[in-house]
């Protein structure tokens, strides 16, 4: 009888043990689902829940770097979700006037590496293009890739590692690889900065990026930012700010006449009207100007009047969300 009681007691204890184990496993399972769902609800449209999301995985197929190949030898979809478009930051850098080392340093600290990550949400496409003597129709995008998430908490939703389906170490390795590639590209992109071009087709590059599907900068992206790093001195056969921004008694640019005055020239007005983007191509768009000051542009009257000229241009073509950031004088 005692043996039977012991066996019954052992059976009950075993059942309780299995019950508690099952309960713990069930709670862990439910907690994981709840955490994943909570993270998913916070994610912006198009963000993958996990970097290995079965429906929308992130491409981390890194190839050996090759500076002689297009896009540094990398896929243009590197560090991007494969089945959605989250956002696109397109960076135009003006190399038509010789730049000084201090100006290159300023550019570097604005649109590359950690400063780029600090101002760009994760999984946005980031593209770079030069403005130089090349005709805009023939100019290639110098590099285009995604901004890999850091895995750490930031002001951006979707930045932190999703503990329900991601590992911190994996995310940090991928983010470091993104930083290394961006740094290598920066060194290639910012060299030969002391050249002088025969023209400065800033208008044409602006309109090209906004209009042409080949730039992959369409309003299909829910959010877009066009960053133009330039001295803003348009110079072409059709119209030039080197003459429009110069008074009769001056040999160098010293003050710009108004945009309204510029449009009084019928050929210029028709040229802008024929090329300005349609309203639908300006949806979800912000334009940021990183205004580079050259020595002659620090003269009183020129800088402020040139900025006003561009502000009036943006209003005329329908760009309402824009910001102009002036570089501090380097002398």
C-alpha atoms as a PDB file:
ATOM      1  CA  UNK A   1       0.000   0.000   0.000  1.00  0.00           C
ATOM      2  CA  UNK A   2       2.787   2.374   0.895  1.00  0.00           C
ATOM      3  CA  UNK A   3       4.472   1.597  -2.427  1.00  0.00           C
ATOM      4  CA  UNK A   4       1.274   2.415  -4.322  1.00  0.00           C
ATOM      5  CA  UNK A   5       0.954   5.729  -2.472  1.00  0.00           C
ATOM      6  CA  UNK A   6       4.537   6.598  -3.276  1.00  0.00           C
ATOM      7  CA  UNK A   7       4.006   5.772  -6.945  1.00  0.00           C
ATOM      8  CA  UNK A   8       0.830   7.867  -7.052  1.00  0.00           C
ATOM      9  CA  UNK A   9       2.639  10.758  -5.372  1.00  0.00           C
ATOM     10  CA  UNK A  10       5.526  10.457  -7.835  1.00  0.00           C
ATOM     11  CA  UNK A  11       3.093  10.471 -10.747  1.00  0.00           C
ATOM     12  CA  UNK A  12       1.384  13.606  -9.409  1.00  0.00           C
ATOM     13  CA  UNK A  13       4.718  15.386  -8.905  1.00  0.00           C
ATOM     14  CA  UNK A  14       5.814  14.421 -12.404  1.00  0.00           C
ATOM     15  CA  UNK A  15       2.574  15.766 -13.847  1.00  0.00           C
ATOM     16  CA  UNK A  16       3.014  19.021 -11.896  1.00  0.00           C
ATOM     17  CA  UNK A  17       6.588  19.332 -13.142  1.00  0.00           C
ATOM     18  CA  UNK A  18       5.536  18.878 -16.777  1.00  0.00           C
ATOM     19  CA  UNK A  19       2.648  21.278 -16.230  1.00  0.00           C
ATOM     20  CA  UNK A  20       4.977  23.996 -14.878  1.00  0.00           C
ATOM     21  CA  UNK A  21       7.503  23.437 -17.668  1.00  0.00           C
ATOM     22  CA  UNK A  22       4.765  23.679 -20.284  1.00  0.00           C
ATOM     23  CA  UNK A  23       3.422  26.817 -18.611  1.00  0.00           C
ATOM     24  CA  UNK A  24       6.853  28.496 -18.708  1.00  0.00           C
ATOM     25  CA  UNK A  25       7.437  27.540 -22.346  1.00  0.00           C
ATOM     26  CA  UNK A  26       3.962  28.797 -23.250  1.00  0.00           C
ATOM     27  CA  UNK A  27       4.556  32.129 -21.464  1.00  0.00           C
ATOM     28  CA  UNK A  28       7.925  32.575 -23.197  1.00  0.00           C
ATOM     29  CA  UNK A  29       6.283  31.831 -26.548  1.00  0.00           C
ATOM     30  CA  UNK A  30       3.447  34.284 -25.937  1.00  0.00           C
ATOM     31  CA  UNK A  31       5.867  36.955 -24.684  1.00  0.00           C
ATOM     32  CA  UNK A  32       7.990  36.585 -27.816  1.00  0.00           C
ATOM     33  CA  UNK A  33       4.929  37.021 -30.024  1.00  0.00           C
ATOM     34  CA  UNK A  34       3.759  40.037 -28.027  1.00  0.00           C
ATOM     35  CA  UNK A  35       7.219  41.675 -28.205  1.00  0.00           C
ATOM     36  CA  UNK A  36       7.467  41.027 -31.929  1.00  0.00           C
ATOM     37  CA  UNK A  37       3.961  42.366 -32.540  1.00  0.00           C
ATOM     38  CA  UNK A  38       4.652  45.436 -30.405  1.00  0.00           C
ATOM     39  CA  UNK A  39       7.831  46.144 -32.378  1.00  0.00           C
ATOM     40  CA  UNK A  40       6.026  45.542 -35.661  1.00  0.00           C
ATOM     41  CA  UNK A  41       3.278  48.028 -34.768  1.00  0.00           C
ATOM     42  CA  UNK A  42       5.888  50.733 -34.162  1.00  0.00           C
ATOM     43  CA  UNK A  43       7.669  50.190 -37.473  1.00  0.00           C
ATOM     44  CA  UNK A  44       7.112  52.695 -40.300  1.00  0.00           C
ATOM     45  CA  UNK A  45       5.492  51.543 -43.522  1.00  0.00           C
ATOM     46  CA  UNK A  46       7.643  49.118 -45.477  1.00  0.00           C
ATOM     47  CA  UNK A  47      10.106  48.320 -42.681  1.00  0.00           C
ATOM     48  CA  UNK A  48      10.985  44.635 -42.303  1.00  0.00           C
ATOM     49  CA  UNK A  49      10.154  43.293 -38.865  1.00  0.00           C
ATOM     50  CA  UNK A  50      13.471  41.448 -38.837  1.00  0.00           C
ATOM     51  CA  UNK A  51      16.537  41.701 -41.048  1.00  0.00           C
ATOM     52  CA  UNK A  52      15.885  38.094 -42.141  1.00  0.00           C
ATOM     53  CA  UNK A  53      12.153  38.689 -42.557  1.00  0.00           C
ATOM     54  CA  UNK A  54      10.759  35.877 -44.710  1.00  0.00           C
ATOM     55  CA  UNK A  55       8.454  38.288 -46.569  1.00  0.00           C
ATOM     56  CA  UNK A  56      10.832  41.244 -46.833  1.00  0.00           C
ATOM     57  CA  UNK A  57      14.462  40.278 -46.083  1.00  0.00           C
ATOM     58  CA  UNK A  58      17.323  42.784 -45.978  1.00  0.00           C
ATOM     59  CA  UNK A  59      20.134  42.180 -48.481  1.00  0.00           C
ATOM     60  CA  UNK A  60      23.453  41.827 -46.630  1.00  0.00           C
ATOM     61  CA  UNK A  61      25.289  39.972 -49.393  1.00  0.00           C
ATOM     62  CA  UNK A  62      28.536  41.956 -49.178  1.00  0.00           C
ATOM     63  CA  UNK A  63      31.027  41.403 -51.988  1.00  0.00           C
ATOM     64  CA  UNK A  64      34.742  42.275 -52.060  1.00  0.00           C
ATOM     65  CA  UNK A  65      35.219  46.035 -52.505  1.00  0.00           C
ATOM     66  CA  UNK A  66      36.426  47.170 -55.925  1.00  0.00           C
ATOM     67  CA  UNK A  67      36.810  50.917 -56.449  1.00  0.00           C
ATOM     68  CA  UNK A  68      37.184  50.411 -60.202  1.00  0.00           C
ATOM     69  CA  UNK A  69      33.743  48.873 -60.588  1.00  0.00           C
ATOM     70  CA  UNK A  70      30.354  50.570 -60.656  1.00  0.00           C
ATOM     71  CA  UNK A  71      28.913  50.937 -57.157  1.00  0.00           C
ATOM     72  CA  UNK A  72      32.187  49.764 -55.605  1.00  0.00           C
ATOM     73  CA  UNK A  73      31.398  46.246 -56.801  1.00  0.00           C
ATOM     74  CA  UNK A  74      28.300  46.052 -54.568  1.00  0.00           C
ATOM     75  CA  UNK A  75      24.676  45.425 -55.419  1.00  0.00           C
ATOM     76  CA  UNK A  76      22.610  48.607 -55.559  1.00  0.00           C
ATOM     77  CA  UNK A  77      20.167  46.890 -53.183  1.00  0.00           C
ATOM     78  CA  UNK A  78      22.739  46.216 -50.460  1.00  0.00           C
ATOM     79  CA  UNK A  79      21.388  46.856 -46.919  1.00  0.00           C
ATOM     80  CA  UNK A  80      17.875  47.394 -48.283  1.00  0.00           C
ATOM     81  CA  UNK A  81      14.632  45.481 -47.753  1.00  0.00           C
ATOM     82  CA  UNK A  82      13.970  43.573 -50.954  1.00  0.00           C
ATOM     83  CA  UNK A  83      10.219  44.042 -51.270  1.00  0.00           C
ATOM     84  CA  UNK A  84       9.553  47.597 -50.148  1.00  0.00           C
ATOM     85  CA  UNK A  85      10.697  51.202 -50.536  1.00  0.00           C
ATOM     86  CA  UNK A  86      11.120  52.996 -47.220  1.00  0.00           C
ATOM     87  CA  UNK A  87      12.786  56.297 -48.135  1.00  0.00           C
ATOM     88  CA  UNK A  88      15.478  57.779 -50.365  1.00  0.00           C
ATOM     89  CA  UNK A  89      18.129  60.420 -49.656  1.00  0.00           C
ATOM     90  CA  UNK A  90      19.790  61.615 -52.862  1.00  0.00           C
ATOM     91  CA  UNK A  91      22.996  63.621 -52.392  1.00  0.00           C
ATOM     92  CA  UNK A  92      24.268  65.920 -55.172  1.00  0.00           C
ATOM     93  CA  UNK A  93      27.743  67.371 -54.611  1.00  0.00           C
ATOM     94  CA  UNK A  94      28.928  70.279 -56.761  1.00  0.00           C
ATOM     95  CA  UNK A  95      32.547  69.932 -57.947  1.00  0.00           C
ATOM     96  CA  UNK A  96      32.401  72.653 -60.623  1.00  0.00           C
ATOM     97  CA  UNK A  97      34.449  75.149 -58.593  1.00  0.00           C
ATOM     98  CA  UNK A  98      37.715  74.296 -56.826  1.00  0.00           C
ATOM     99  CA  UNK A  99      37.139  73.339 -53.203  1.00  0.00           C
ATOM    100  CA  UNK A 100      39.410  73.788 -50.218  1.00  0.00           C
ATOM    101  CA  UNK A 101      40.287  71.094 -47.684  1.00  0.00           C
ATOM    102  CA  UNK A 102      38.152  72.766 -45.015  1.00  0.00           C
ATOM    103  CA  UNK A 103      35.151  72.608 -47.354  1.00  0.00           C
ATOM    104  CA  UNK A 104      35.769  68.938 -48.081  1.00  0.00           C
ATOM    105  CA  UNK A 105      35.965  68.303 -44.335  1.00  0.00           C
ATOM    106  CA  UNK A 106      32.597  70.061 -43.903  1.00  0.00           C
ATOM    107  CA  UNK A 107      31.017  67.928 -46.643  1.00  0.00           C
ATOM    108  CA  UNK A 108      32.473  64.776 -45.096  1.00  0.00           C
ATOM    109  CA  UNK A 109      30.988  65.644 -41.707  1.00  0.00           C
ATOM    110  CA  UNK A 110      27.563  66.251 -43.222  1.00  0.00           C
ATOM    111  CA  UNK A 111      26.824  63.445 -45.686  1.00  0.00           C
ATOM    112  CA  UNK A 112      29.074  60.494 -44.831  1.00  0.00           C
ATOM    113  CA  UNK A 113      29.572  57.967 -42.024  1.00  0.00           C
ATOM    114  CA  UNK A 114      28.064  58.578 -38.591  1.00  0.00           C
ATOM    115  CA  UNK A 115      26.709  62.076 -39.444  1.00  0.00           C
ATOM    116  CA  UNK A 116      24.840  60.456 -42.341  1.00  0.00           C
ATOM    117  CA  UNK A 117      23.485  57.729 -40.030  1.00  0.00           C
ATOM    118  CA  UNK A 118      22.458  60.361 -37.470  1.00  0.00           C
ATOM    119  CA  UNK A 119      20.326  62.214 -40.051  1.00  0.00           C
ATOM    120  CA  UNK A 120      19.017  59.309 -42.148  1.00  0.00           C
ATOM    121  CA  UNK A 121      16.523  56.670 -40.984  1.00  0.00           C
ATOM    122  CA  UNK A 122      17.533  53.005 -41.251  1.00  0.00           C
ATOM    123  CA  UNK A 123      16.794  51.157 -44.489  1.00  0.00           C
ATOM    124  CA  UNK A 124      16.586  54.354 -46.534  1.00  0.00           C
ATOM    125  CA  UNK A 125      18.335  54.248 -49.887  1.00  0.00           C
ATOM    126  CA  UNK A 126      21.264  56.691 -50.024  1.00  0.00           C
ATOM    127  CA  UNK A 127      22.572  57.778 -53.441  1.00  0.00           C
ATOM    128  CA  UNK A 128      25.462  60.047 -54.419  1.00  0.00           C
ATOM    129  CA  UNK A 129      26.073  61.921 -57.664  1.00  0.00           C
ATOM    130  CA  UNK A 130      28.627  64.531 -58.724  1.00  0.00           C
ATOM    131  CA  UNK A 131      27.838  67.794 -60.460  1.00  0.00           C
ATOM    132  CA  UNK A 132      30.783  68.394 -62.769  1.00  0.00           C
ATOM    133  CA  UNK A 133      31.468  69.026 -66.468  1.00  0.00           C
ATOM    134  CA  UNK A 134      29.564  65.871 -67.421  1.00  0.00           C
ATOM    135  CA  UNK A 135      26.237  66.406 -69.163  1.00  0.00           C
ATOM    136  CA  UNK A 136      23.513  65.392 -66.749  1.00  0.00           C
ATOM    137  CA  UNK A 137      22.032  62.821 -69.155  1.00  0.00           C
ATOM    138  CA  UNK A 138      25.394  61.022 -69.182  1.00  0.00           C
ATOM    139  CA  UNK A 139      26.190  61.336 -65.501  1.00  0.00           C
ATOM    140  CA  UNK A 140      26.044  58.125 -63.458  1.00  0.00           C
ATOM    141  CA  UNK A 141      25.029  57.681 -59.869  1.00  0.00           C
ATOM    142  CA  UNK A 142      28.386  57.273 -58.141  1.00  0.00           C
ATOM    143  CA  UNK A 143      27.061  54.970 -55.435  1.00  0.00           C
ATOM    144  CA  UNK A 144      23.683  53.825 -54.125  1.00  0.00           C
ATOM    145  CA  UNK A 145      22.968  51.598 -51.126  1.00  0.00           C
ATOM    146  CA  UNK A 146      20.828  51.283 -47.996  1.00  0.00           C
ATOM    147  CA  UNK A 147      21.578  52.792 -44.587  1.00  0.00           C
ATOM    148  CA  UNK A 148      21.943  49.764 -42.338  1.00  0.00           C
ATOM    149  CA  UNK A 149      20.343  49.952 -38.881  1.00  0.00           C
ATOM    150  CA  UNK A 150      22.684  50.310 -35.897  1.00  0.00           C
ATOM    151  CA  UNK A 151      20.787  48.028 -33.518  1.00  0.00           C
ATOM    152  CA  UNK A 152      20.839  50.753 -30.863  1.00  0.00           C
ATOM    153  CA  UNK A 153      18.025  53.022 -29.718  1.00  0.00           C
ATOM    154  CA  UNK A 154      17.869  56.311 -31.616  1.00  0.00           C
ATOM    155  CA  UNK A 155      15.339  58.945 -32.668  1.00  0.00           C
ATOM    156  CA  UNK A 156      14.372  56.707 -35.599  1.00  0.00           C
ATOM    157  CA  UNK A 157      11.743  53.997 -35.321  1.00  0.00           C
ATOM    158  CA  UNK A 158      12.994  50.596 -36.402  1.00  0.00           C
ATOM    159  CA  UNK A 159      16.590  51.352 -35.397  1.00  0.00           C
ATOM    160  CA  UNK A 160      16.873  49.148 -32.328  1.00  0.00           C
ATOM    161  CA  UNK A 161      17.469  45.409 -32.568  1.00  0.00           C
ATOM    162  CA  UNK A 162      14.215  43.457 -32.496  1.00  0.00           C
ATOM    163  CA  UNK A 163      14.992  41.043 -29.668  1.00  0.00           C
ATOM    164  CA  UNK A 164      12.197  38.754 -30.789  1.00  0.00           C
ATOM    165  CA  UNK A 165      13.920  37.766 -34.019  1.00  0.00           C
ATOM    166  CA  UNK A 166      17.304  39.536 -34.295  1.00  0.00           C
ATOM    167  CA  UNK A 167      20.666  39.318 -32.569  1.00  0.00           C
ATOM    168  CA  UNK A 168      22.643  42.407 -31.526  1.00  0.00           C
ATOM    169  CA  UNK A 169      25.928  40.954 -32.725  1.00  0.00           C
ATOM    170  CA  UNK A 170      24.633  40.230 -36.231  1.00  0.00           C
ATOM    171  CA  UNK A 171      23.177  43.713 -36.606  1.00  0.00           C
ATOM    172  CA  UNK A 172      26.359  45.396 -35.327  1.00  0.00           C
ATOM    173  CA  UNK A 173      28.535  43.391 -37.729  1.00  0.00           C
ATOM    174  CA  UNK A 174      26.334  44.440 -40.649  1.00  0.00           C
ATOM    175  CA  UNK A 175      26.318  48.090 -39.512  1.00  0.00           C
ATOM    176  CA  UNK A 176      30.122  48.126 -39.211  1.00  0.00           C
ATOM    177  CA  UNK A 177      30.367  46.701 -42.736  1.00  0.00           C
ATOM    178  CA  UNK A 178      28.066  49.492 -43.952  1.00  0.00           C
ATOM    179  CA  UNK A 179      30.333  52.083 -42.285  1.00  0.00           C
ATOM    180  CA  UNK A 180      33.488  50.591 -43.794  1.00  0.00           C
ATOM    181  CA  UNK A 181      32.011  50.597 -47.306  1.00  0.00           C
ATOM    182  CA  UNK A 182      30.718  54.159 -46.937  1.00  0.00           C
ATOM    183  CA  UNK A 183      34.132  55.310 -45.705  1.00  0.00           C
ATOM    184  CA  UNK A 184      35.914  53.671 -48.658  1.00  0.00           C
ATOM    185  CA  UNK A 185      33.489  55.300 -51.070  1.00  0.00           C
ATOM    186  CA  UNK A 186      33.944  58.685 -49.361  1.00  0.00           C
ATOM    187  CA  UNK A 187      37.708  58.561 -49.955  1.00  0.00           C
ATOM    188  CA  UNK A 188      37.144  57.848 -53.640  1.00  0.00           C
ATOM    189  CA  UNK A 189      34.316  60.348 -54.137  1.00  0.00           C
ATOM    190  CA  UNK A 190      35.943  63.348 -52.445  1.00  0.00           C
ATOM    191  CA  UNK A 191      39.331  63.228 -54.159  1.00  0.00           C
ATOM    192  CA  UNK A 192      40.256  65.549 -57.058  1.00  0.00           C
ATOM    193  CA  UNK A 193      38.349  68.413 -55.475  1.00  0.00           C
ATOM    194  CA  UNK A 194      40.498  71.241 -56.812  1.00  0.00           C
ATOM    195  CA  UNK A 195      39.344  71.028 -60.437  1.00  0.00           C
ATOM    196  CA  UNK A 196      37.578  73.824 -62.319  1.00  0.00           C
ATOM    197  CA  UNK A 197      34.672  73.058 -64.664  1.00  0.00           C
ATOM    198  CA  UNK A 198      33.603  75.107 -67.677  1.00  0.00           C
ATOM    199  CA  UNK A 199      29.993  75.185 -66.570  1.00  0.00           C
ATOM    200  CA  UNK A 200      27.811  74.579 -63.504  1.00  0.00           C
ATOM    201  CA  UNK A 201      24.488  73.006 -64.468  1.00  0.00           C
ATOM    202  CA  UNK A 202      22.854  72.990 -61.043  1.00  0.00           C
ATOM    203  CA  UNK A 203      19.347  73.658 -62.382  1.00  0.00           C
ATOM    204  CA  UNK A 204      19.689  70.856 -64.905  1.00  0.00           C
ATOM    205  CA  UNK A 205      20.883  68.331 -62.312  1.00  0.00           C
ATOM    206  CA  UNK A 206      18.066  69.355 -59.950  1.00  0.00           C
ATOM    207  CA  UNK A 207      15.401  68.892 -62.608  1.00  0.00           C
ATOM    208  CA  UNK A 208      16.955  65.651 -63.847  1.00  0.00           C
ATOM    209  CA  UNK A 209      16.869  64.006 -60.421  1.00  0.00           C
ATOM    210  CA  UNK A 210      13.273  65.068 -59.822  1.00  0.00           C
ATOM    211  CA  UNK A 211      11.982  64.096 -63.264  1.00  0.00           C
ATOM    212  CA  UNK A 212      13.866  61.060 -64.529  1.00  0.00           C
ATOM    213  CA  UNK A 213      12.836  57.536 -63.380  1.00  0.00           C
ATOM    214  CA  UNK A 214      16.447  56.379 -63.872  1.00  0.00           C
ATOM    215  CA  UNK A 215      17.345  58.278 -60.681  1.00  0.00           C
ATOM    216  CA  UNK A 216      14.994  56.030 -58.690  1.00  0.00           C
ATOM    217  CA  UNK A 217      13.876  59.123 -56.790  1.00  0.00           C
ATOM    218  CA  UNK A 218      10.173  58.954 -57.588  1.00  0.00           C
ATOM    219  CA  UNK A 219       7.262  59.621 -55.251  1.00  0.00           C
ATOM    220  CA  UNK A 220       6.863  55.830 -54.879  1.00  0.00           C
ATOM    221  CA  UNK A 221       9.089  56.334 -51.847  1.00  0.00           C
ATOM    222  CA  UNK A 222       6.904  57.446 -48.904  1.00  0.00           C
ATOM    223  CA  UNK A 223       9.639  59.924 -47.891  1.00  0.00           C
ATOM    224  CA  UNK A 224      12.460  61.550 -49.877  1.00  0.00           C
ATOM    225  CA  UNK A 225      15.205  64.087 -49.269  1.00  0.00           C
ATOM    226  CA  UNK A 226      17.315  65.716 -51.968  1.00  0.00           C
ATOM    227  CA  UNK A 227      20.547  67.159 -50.557  1.00  0.00           C
ATOM    228  CA  UNK A 228      22.430  69.616 -52.782  1.00  0.00           C
ATOM    229  CA  UNK A 229      25.948  70.574 -51.681  1.00  0.00           C
ATOM    230  CA  UNK A 230      26.862  73.594 -53.798  1.00  0.00           C
ATOM    231  CA  UNK A 231      27.876  77.217 -54.073  1.00  0.00           C
ATOM    232  CA  UNK A 232      24.564  77.671 -55.974  1.00  0.00           C
ATOM    233  CA  UNK A 233      26.231  79.619 -58.814  1.00  0.00           C
ATOM    234  CA  UNK A 234      24.397  78.338 -61.891  1.00  0.00           C
ATOM    235  CA  UNK A 235      26.494  78.858 -65.019  1.00  0.00           C
ATOM    236  CA  UNK A 236      25.361  77.791 -68.482  1.00  0.00           C
ATOM    237  CA  UNK A 237      24.965  79.227 -71.978  1.00  0.00           C
ATOM    238  CA  UNK A 238      21.280  79.942 -71.373  1.00  0.00           C
ATOM    239  CA  UNK A 239      21.751  81.895 -68.153  1.00  0.00           C
ATOM    240  CA  UNK A 240      24.498  82.480 -65.637  1.00  0.00           C
ATOM    241  CA  UNK A 241      24.429  83.810 -62.099  1.00  0.00           C
ATOM    242  CA  UNK A 242      27.913  85.175 -62.673  1.00  0.00           C
ATOM    243  CA  UNK A 243      26.221  87.894 -64.722  1.00  0.00           C
ATOM    244  CA  UNK A 244      22.804  87.926 -63.016  1.00  0.00           C
ATOM    245  CA  UNK A 245      24.488  88.388 -59.619  1.00  0.00           C
ATOM    246  CA  UNK A 246      26.785  91.229 -60.639  1.00  0.00           C
ATOM    247  CA  UNK A 247      26.088  94.948 -60.704  1.00  0.00           C
ATOM    248  CA  UNK A 248      27.288  97.108 -63.588  1.00  0.00           C
ATOM    249  CA  UNK A 249      30.204  98.614 -61.667  1.00  0.00           C
ATOM    250  CA  UNK A 250      31.545  95.310 -60.365  1.00  0.00           C
ATOM    251  CA  UNK A 251      33.903  92.869 -62.073  1.00  0.00           C
ATOM    252  CA  UNK A 252      32.882  89.997 -59.791  1.00  0.00           C
ATOM    253  CA  UNK A 253      29.533  88.751 -58.419  1.00  0.00           C
ATOM    254  CA  UNK A 254      28.420  91.008 -55.561  1.00  0.00           C
ATOM    255  CA  UNK A 255      24.607  91.012 -55.496  1.00  0.00           C
ATOM    256  CA  UNK A 256      21.926  89.005 -57.270  1.00  0.00           C
ATOM    257  CA  UNK A 257      18.961  90.579 -58.970  1.00  0.00           C
ATOM    258  CA  UNK A 258      15.608  89.013 -58.155  1.00  0.00           C
ATOM    259  CA  UNK A 259      14.193  85.778 -59.531  1.00  0.00           C
ATOM    260  CA  UNK A 260      11.323  87.821 -60.944  1.00  0.00           C
ATOM    261  CA  UNK A 261      13.881  89.834 -62.873  1.00  0.00           C
ATOM    262  CA  UNK A 262      15.433  86.614 -64.174  1.00  0.00           C
ATOM    263  CA  UNK A 263      12.038  85.455 -65.496  1.00  0.00           C
ATOM    264  CA  UNK A 264      11.659  88.653 -67.505  1.00  0.00           C
ATOM    265  CA  UNK A 265      13.955  87.013 -70.032  1.00  0.00           C
ATOM    266  CA  UNK A 266      11.506  85.000 -72.114  1.00  0.00           C
ATOM    267  CA  UNK A 267      14.046  82.331 -73.077  1.00  0.00           C
ATOM    268  CA  UNK A 268      14.968  81.733 -69.431  1.00  0.00           C
ATOM    269  CA  UNK A 269      11.320  81.585 -68.319  1.00  0.00           C
ATOM    270  CA  UNK A 270      10.418  79.149 -71.089  1.00  0.00           C
ATOM    271  CA  UNK A 271      13.483  77.037 -70.305  1.00  0.00           C
ATOM    272  CA  UNK A 272      12.507  76.705 -66.634  1.00  0.00           C
ATOM    273  CA  UNK A 273       8.795  76.212 -67.360  1.00  0.00           C
ATOM    274  CA  UNK A 274       9.484  73.478 -69.902  1.00  0.00           C
ATOM    275  CA  UNK A 275      11.661  71.526 -67.461  1.00  0.00           C
ATOM    276  CA  UNK A 276      10.174  72.055 -64.025  1.00  0.00           C
ATOM    277  CA  UNK A 277       8.813  68.828 -62.501  1.00  0.00           C
ATOM    278  CA  UNK A 278       5.129  67.960 -62.309  1.00  0.00           C
ATOM    279  CA  UNK A 279       3.354  68.458 -58.990  1.00  0.00           C
ATOM    280  CA  UNK A 280       3.027  64.711 -58.324  1.00  0.00           C
ATOM    281  CA  UNK A 281       6.805  64.264 -58.554  1.00  0.00           C
ATOM    282  CA  UNK A 282       7.229  66.731 -55.670  1.00  0.00           C
ATOM    283  CA  UNK A 283       5.133  64.761 -53.183  1.00  0.00           C
ATOM    284  CA  UNK A 284       6.866  63.433 -50.037  1.00  0.00           C
ATOM    285  CA  UNK A 285       9.895  65.608 -50.831  1.00  0.00           C
ATOM    286  CA  UNK A 286      12.253  67.718 -48.757  1.00  0.00           C
ATOM    287  CA  UNK A 287      15.159  69.639 -50.301  1.00  0.00           C
ATOM    288  CA  UNK A 288      18.190  70.495 -48.179  1.00  0.00           C
ATOM    289  CA  UNK A 289      20.828  72.883 -49.508  1.00  0.00           C
ATOM    290  CA  UNK A 290      24.283  72.726 -47.930  1.00  0.00           C
ATOM    291  CA  UNK A 291      25.503  76.086 -49.159  1.00  0.00           C
ATOM    292  CA  UNK A 292      29.267  76.274 -49.689  1.00  0.00           C
ATOM    293  CA  UNK A 293      30.771  79.736 -49.381  1.00  0.00           C
ATOM    294  CA  UNK A 294      33.689  80.637 -51.629  1.00  0.00           C
ATOM    295  CA  UNK A 295      35.831  83.670 -50.857  1.00  0.00           C
ATOM    296  CA  UNK A 296      34.149  86.027 -53.322  1.00  0.00           C
ATOM    297  CA  UNK A 297      30.704  84.926 -52.120  1.00  0.00           C
ATOM    298  CA  UNK A 298      31.297  86.156 -48.580  1.00  0.00           C
ATOM    299  CA  UNK A 299      30.878  89.732 -49.786  1.00  0.00           C
ATOM    300  CA  UNK A 300      28.009  91.509 -48.134  1.00  0.00           C
ATOM    301  CA  UNK A 301      24.861  91.245 -50.221  1.00  0.00           C
ATOM    302  CA  UNK A 302      25.822  88.339 -52.482  1.00  0.00           C
ATOM    303  CA  UNK A 303      25.232  85.425 -50.102  1.00  0.00           C
ATOM    304  CA  UNK A 304      21.826  86.608 -48.863  1.00  0.00           C
ATOM    305  CA  UNK A 305      20.601  87.636 -52.322  1.00  0.00           C
ATOM    306  CA  UNK A 306      21.751  84.323 -53.844  1.00  0.00           C
ATOM    307  CA  UNK A 307      19.892  82.353 -51.161  1.00  0.00           C
ATOM    308  CA  UNK A 308      16.759  84.450 -51.784  1.00  0.00           C
ATOM    309  CA  UNK A 309      17.067  83.739 -55.501  1.00  0.00           C
ATOM    310  CA  UNK A 310      17.001  79.983 -54.864  1.00  0.00           C
ATOM    311  CA  UNK A 311      14.159  80.247 -52.353  1.00  0.00           C
ATOM    312  CA  UNK A 312      12.091  82.025 -55.010  1.00  0.00           C
ATOM    313  CA  UNK A 313      13.000  79.308 -57.525  1.00  0.00           C
ATOM    314  CA  UNK A 314      11.800  76.569 -55.157  1.00  0.00           C
ATOM    315  CA  UNK A 315       8.515  78.397 -54.574  1.00  0.00           C
ATOM    316  CA  UNK A 316       8.089  78.878 -58.320  1.00  0.00           C
ATOM    317  CA  UNK A 317       8.507  75.196 -59.212  1.00  0.00           C
ATOM    318  CA  UNK A 318       6.400  74.018 -56.251  1.00  0.00           C
ATOM    319  CA  UNK A 319       8.982  72.838 -53.683  1.00  0.00           C
ATOM    320  CA  UNK A 320       7.528  73.895 -50.326  1.00  0.00           C
ATOM    321  CA  UNK A 321       9.625  71.889 -47.852  1.00  0.00           C
ATOM    322  CA  UNK A 322      13.214  73.108 -48.072  1.00  0.00           C
ATOM    323  CA  UNK A 323      16.071  74.153 -45.819  1.00  0.00           C
ATOM    324  CA  UNK A 324      19.260  76.074 -46.656  1.00  0.00           C
ATOM    325  CA  UNK A 325      22.218  75.495 -44.343  1.00  0.00           C
ATOM    326  CA  UNK A 326      25.108  77.921 -44.778  1.00  0.00           C
ATOM    327  CA  UNK A 327      28.686  76.849 -44.242  1.00  0.00           C
ATOM    328  CA  UNK A 328      30.587  79.062 -41.833  1.00  0.00           C
ATOM    329  CA  UNK A 329      33.376  81.184 -43.314  1.00  0.00           C
ATOM    330  CA  UNK A 330      36.634  79.205 -43.466  1.00  0.00           C
ATOM    331  CA  UNK A 331      39.004  82.198 -43.321  1.00  0.00           C
END
